[in-house]
Amino acid sequence: MEFQRARRPEQVEQRRRAILEAARALLREHPLADISLRELSCRVGLAKSNVLRYFDSREAVFLEVLDEEWGAWLDALEAEPPTGDEAAVATALASSLAGRRTLAELFGHAGALERNITVERARRVKGRAATHSTRLADLVRALLPVLDEDAARHFADTVVVLAAGLWPRADPTEAVARALRELGSPEPAELFATGLAEALVNQLAGLVARSTRD
């Protein structure tokens, strides 16, 4: 970036994009918990105070990345929606999400990230999350018309809850990962993908069965 201080709207957006891309790059290299505001500012080449001119906290940066990654995942699903019965749809969704490590990790840390944001930021974060959940619910309902709106929305919300809850399986400490290898356990990423698929299949099959019965 050639300019010293972003003054025009396009310069502000360019700097915001640089911060977000730096955050993504760091997430590919380190666990989120190990990435400080100092490391982020060094990666993007700005002082910490300058980063905070565009995002009110470190957490706000990563919540913005979460929003974009969530939207990109939904874009991909809508472009090539899964097909088949509820088991096939749930398995495909789990596989797709398991292949997006950054998104899965941010789902796992979303609650902690939300602890250091302003009310204004919280309104935006929750509003966008609701929009994403609605998009996923609409997609699933289009694939499985037997589901009513409430059931589809419940499933969409559950996808995030289950991914967040299972994330530690994909991101163990080195000591735990070593112990798992010694015990002949599957790789952490496989444990996450398998656990998420089984949980989503059970959840969606149950909702479909209840909708059919009703």
Protein backbone atom coordinates (compact mmCIF):
# COMPACT_ATOMS: atom_id res chain seq x y z
CA MET A 1 0.00 0.00 0.00
CA GLU A 2 1.64 3.19 -1.16
CA PHE A 3 -0.45 5.63 0.87
CA GLN A 4 0.47 6.38 4.49
CA ARG A 5 -3.04 7.01 5.73
CA ALA A 6 -6.28 5.82 4.17
CA ARG A 7 -8.43 8.84 3.41
CA ARG A 8 -10.54 7.95 0.40
CA PRO A 9 -13.19 5.19 0.66
CA GLU A 10 -11.29 2.93 -1.72
CA GLN A 11 -8.14 3.32 0.40
CA VAL A 12 -10.06 2.44 3.56
CA GLU A 13 -11.45 -0.67 1.88
CA GLN A 14 -8.01 -1.62 0.57
CA ARG A 15 -6.58 -1.42 4.08
CA ARG A 16 -9.48 -3.40 5.56
CA ARG A 17 -8.94 -6.10 2.95
CA ALA A 18 -5.22 -6.21 3.74
CA ILE A 19 -5.98 -6.74 7.43
CA LEU A 20 -8.48 -9.52 6.70
CA GLU A 21 -6.12 -11.28 4.30
CA ALA A 22 -3.33 -11.09 6.88
CA ALA A 23 -5.68 -12.66 9.43
CA ARG A 24 -6.50 -15.48 6.99
CA ALA A 25 -2.82 -16.10 6.30
CA LEU A 26 -2.07 -16.33 10.02
CA LEU A 27 -4.95 -18.77 10.54
CA ARG A 28 -3.37 -21.08 7.96
CA GLU A 29 -0.18 -21.09 10.01
CA HIS A 30 -1.26 -20.90 13.65
CA PRO A 31 -4.20 -21.74 15.91
CA LEU A 32 -6.47 -18.76 16.47
CA ALA A 33 -5.69 -18.68 20.18
CA ASP A 34 -2.01 -18.08 19.37
CA ILE A 35 -2.60 -15.07 17.11
CA SER A 36 -2.32 -11.77 18.94
CA LEU A 37 -3.19 -8.29 17.76
CA ARG A 38 0.54 -7.58 17.73
CA GLU A 39 1.23 -10.49 15.36
CA LEU A 40 -1.64 -9.42 13.14
CA SER A 41 -0.45 -5.83 12.98
CA CYS A 42 3.11 -6.94 12.18
CA ARG A 43 1.89 -9.20 9.40
CA VAL A 44 -0.08 -6.41 7.75
CA GLY A 45 2.64 -3.81 8.35
CA LEU A 46 0.62 -1.45 10.55
CA ALA A 47 0.80 -0.32 14.15
CA LYS A 48 -1.75 -1.92 16.48
CA SER A 49 -3.47 1.44 16.84
CA ASN A 50 -3.87 1.64 13.07
CA VAL A 51 -5.44 -1.82 12.88
CA LEU A 52 -7.92 -0.66 15.52
CA ARG A 53 -8.89 2.27 13.29
CA TYR A 54 -10.59 -0.24 10.99
CA PHE A 55 -11.71 -2.92 13.46
CA ASP A 56 -12.47 -2.17 17.09
CA SER A 57 -10.65 -5.26 18.41
CA ARG A 58 -8.66 -8.32 17.39
CA GLU A 59 -11.85 -10.31 17.86
CA ALA A 60 -13.74 -8.08 15.44
CA VAL A 61 -11.20 -8.89 12.72
CA PHE A 62 -11.69 -12.62 13.06
CA LEU A 63 -15.47 -12.31 13.31
CA GLU A 64 -15.34 -10.50 9.97
CA VAL A 65 -13.28 -13.37 8.54
CA LEU A 66 -15.88 -15.78 9.93
CA ASP A 67 -18.67 -13.88 8.22
CA GLU A 68 -16.90 -13.97 4.87
CA GLU A 69 -15.90 -17.62 5.15
CA TRP A 70 -19.45 -18.58 6.11
CA GLY A 71 -20.83 -16.73 3.11
CA ALA A 72 -18.27 -18.32 0.78
CA TRP A 73 -19.23 -21.79 2.03
CA LEU A 74 -22.89 -21.11 1.34
CA ASP A 75 -22.05 -19.74 -2.11
CA ALA A 76 -20.29 -23.02 -2.91
CA LEU A 77 -23.18 -25.12 -1.60
CA GLU A 78 -25.72 -23.15 -3.61
CA ALA A 79 -23.60 -23.44 -6.75
CA GLU A 80 -23.33 -27.24 -6.39
CA PRO A 81 -26.02 -28.39 -3.93
CA PRO A 82 -25.82 -31.93 -2.56
CA THR A 83 -28.36 -34.47 -3.74
CA GLY A 84 -30.03 -37.56 -2.31
CA ASP A 85 -31.94 -38.42 0.83
CA GLU A 86 -31.42 -36.82 4.23
CA ALA A 87 -28.42 -39.02 5.02
CA ALA A 88 -26.70 -38.09 1.76
CA VAL A 89 -27.44 -34.39 2.20
CA ALA A 90 -26.20 -34.33 5.80
CA THR A 91 -23.06 -36.28 4.93
CA ALA A 92 -22.28 -33.95 2.04
CA LEU A 93 -22.74 -30.88 4.23
CA ALA A 94 -20.44 -32.35 6.88
CA SER A 95 -17.78 -33.22 4.31
CA SER A 96 -17.96 -29.77 2.78
CA LEU A 97 -17.62 -28.04 6.12
CA ALA A 98 -14.83 -30.34 7.29
CA GLY A 99 -12.90 -29.29 4.19
CA ARG A 100 -13.04 -25.66 5.28
CA ARG A 101 -10.76 -25.69 8.29
CA THR A 102 -10.72 -21.91 8.78
CA LEU A 103 -14.51 -21.76 8.94
CA ALA A 104 -14.74 -24.75 11.28
CA GLU A 105 -12.13 -23.26 13.60
CA LEU A 106 -13.88 -19.90 13.71
CA PHE A 107 -17.19 -21.61 14.48
CA GLY A 108 -15.41 -23.27 17.38
CA HIS A 109 -14.17 -19.94 18.75
CA ALA A 110 -17.12 -17.69 17.87
CA GLY A 111 -18.43 -17.51 21.43
CA ALA A 112 -15.06 -16.38 22.78
CA LEU A 113 -14.60 -13.87 19.96
CA GLU A 114 -17.95 -12.27 20.75
CA ARG A 115 -16.78 -11.39 24.27
CA ASN A 116 -14.74 -8.39 23.18
CA ILE A 117 -16.86 -6.48 20.67
CA THR A 118 -19.04 -3.41 20.82
CA VAL A 119 -22.83 -3.46 20.78
CA GLU A 120 -22.79 -2.05 17.26
CA ARG A 121 -20.45 -4.82 16.11
CA ALA A 122 -22.57 -7.42 17.91
CA ARG A 123 -25.67 -6.26 16.03
CA ARG A 124 -23.87 -6.69 12.71
CA VAL A 125 -22.40 -10.07 13.67
CA LYS A 126 -25.71 -11.51 14.85
CA GLY A 127 -27.61 -10.04 11.93
CA ARG A 128 -25.25 -11.60 9.40
CA ALA A 129 -25.28 -14.92 11.26
CA ALA A 130 -29.08 -14.97 11.06
CA THR A 131 -28.88 -14.29 7.32
CA HIS A 132 -26.41 -17.16 6.83
CA SER A 133 -28.57 -19.55 8.85
CA THR A 134 -31.60 -18.61 6.77
CA ARG A 135 -29.66 -19.28 3.55
CA LEU A 136 -28.64 -22.74 4.75
CA ALA A 137 -32.17 -23.49 5.96
CA ASP A 138 -33.62 -22.47 2.60
CA LEU A 139 -31.11 -24.68 0.78
CA VAL A 140 -31.86 -27.71 2.94
CA ARG A 141 -35.60 -27.17 2.65
CA ALA A 142 -35.33 -26.98 -1.14
CA LEU A 143 -33.49 -30.31 -1.11
CA LEU A 144 -35.84 -31.92 1.41
CA PRO A 145 -39.28 -30.30 0.97
CA VAL A 146 -40.77 -32.46 3.71
CA LEU A 147 -39.12 -30.14 6.24
CA ASP A 148 -41.09 -27.12 7.33
CA GLU A 149 -39.47 -23.75 7.88
CA ASP A 150 -38.92 -24.25 11.62
CA ALA A 151 -37.34 -27.66 11.16
CA ALA A 152 -34.99 -26.44 8.44
CA ARG A 153 -33.95 -23.45 10.53
CA HIS A 154 -33.36 -25.67 13.55
CA PHE A 155 -31.09 -27.88 11.47
CA ALA A 156 -29.18 -24.90 10.06
CA ASP A 157 -28.53 -23.59 13.57
CA THR A 158 -27.53 -27.06 14.76
CA VAL A 159 -24.88 -27.35 12.05
CA VAL A 160 -23.00 -24.46 13.62
CA VAL A 161 -23.46 -25.73 17.18
CA LEU A 162 -22.22 -29.22 16.31
CA ALA A 163 -19.25 -27.94 14.31
CA ALA A 164 -18.27 -25.67 17.18
CA GLY A 165 -18.64 -28.42 19.76
CA LEU A 166 -16.67 -30.96 17.75
CA TRP A 167 -13.88 -28.57 16.75
CA PRO A 168 -11.54 -29.65 19.61
CA ARG A 169 -11.41 -33.07 17.94
CA ALA A 170 -9.77 -31.47 14.93
CA ASP A 171 -7.41 -29.28 16.92
CA PRO A 172 -5.91 -31.24 19.85
CA THR A 173 -2.78 -30.20 21.69
CA GLU A 174 0.44 -31.84 20.55
CA ALA A 175 0.40 -34.08 23.63
CA VAL A 176 -3.12 -35.29 22.89
CA ALA A 177 -2.35 -35.75 19.19
CA ARG A 178 0.67 -37.87 20.09
CA ALA A 179 -1.36 -39.97 22.49
CA LEU A 180 -4.00 -40.53 19.82
CA ARG A 181 -1.36 -41.68 17.34
CA GLU A 182 0.11 -44.10 19.88
CA LEU A 183 -3.36 -45.54 20.45
CA GLY A 184 -3.86 -46.00 16.72
CA SER A 185 -6.70 -43.51 16.64
CA PRO A 186 -7.71 -41.87 13.34
CA GLU A 187 -6.21 -38.49 12.53
CA PRO A 188 -7.86 -35.52 14.29
CA ALA A 189 -9.26 -34.14 11.04
CA GLU A 190 -10.86 -37.50 10.31
CA LEU A 191 -12.34 -37.68 13.81
CA PHE A 192 -13.91 -34.26 13.29
CA ALA A 193 -15.30 -35.09 9.85
CA THR A 194 -16.67 -38.46 10.94
CA GLY A 195 -18.20 -37.12 14.13
CA LEU A 196 -19.81 -34.18 12.34
CA ALA A 197 -21.24 -36.40 9.60
CA GLU A 198 -22.75 -38.85 12.08
CA ALA A 199 -24.23 -36.07 14.20
CA LEU A 200 -25.74 -34.25 11.22
CA VAL A 201 -27.16 -37.43 9.71
CA ASN A 202 -28.86 -38.28 12.99
CA GLN A 203 -30.15 -34.74 13.41
CA LEU A 204 -31.55 -34.41 9.90
CA ALA A 205 -32.99 -37.94 9.82
CA GLY A 206 -34.80 -37.23 13.07
CA LEU A 207 -36.26 -33.98 11.76
CA VAL A 208 -37.41 -35.63 8.54
CA ALA A 209 -38.99 -38.53 10.46
CA ARG A 210 -40.83 -36.15 12.76
CA SER A 211 -42.02 -34.02 9.86
CA THR A 212 -43.30 -37.11 8.04
CA ARG A 213 -45.09 -38.34 11.15
CA ASP A 214 -46.71 -34.96 11.80
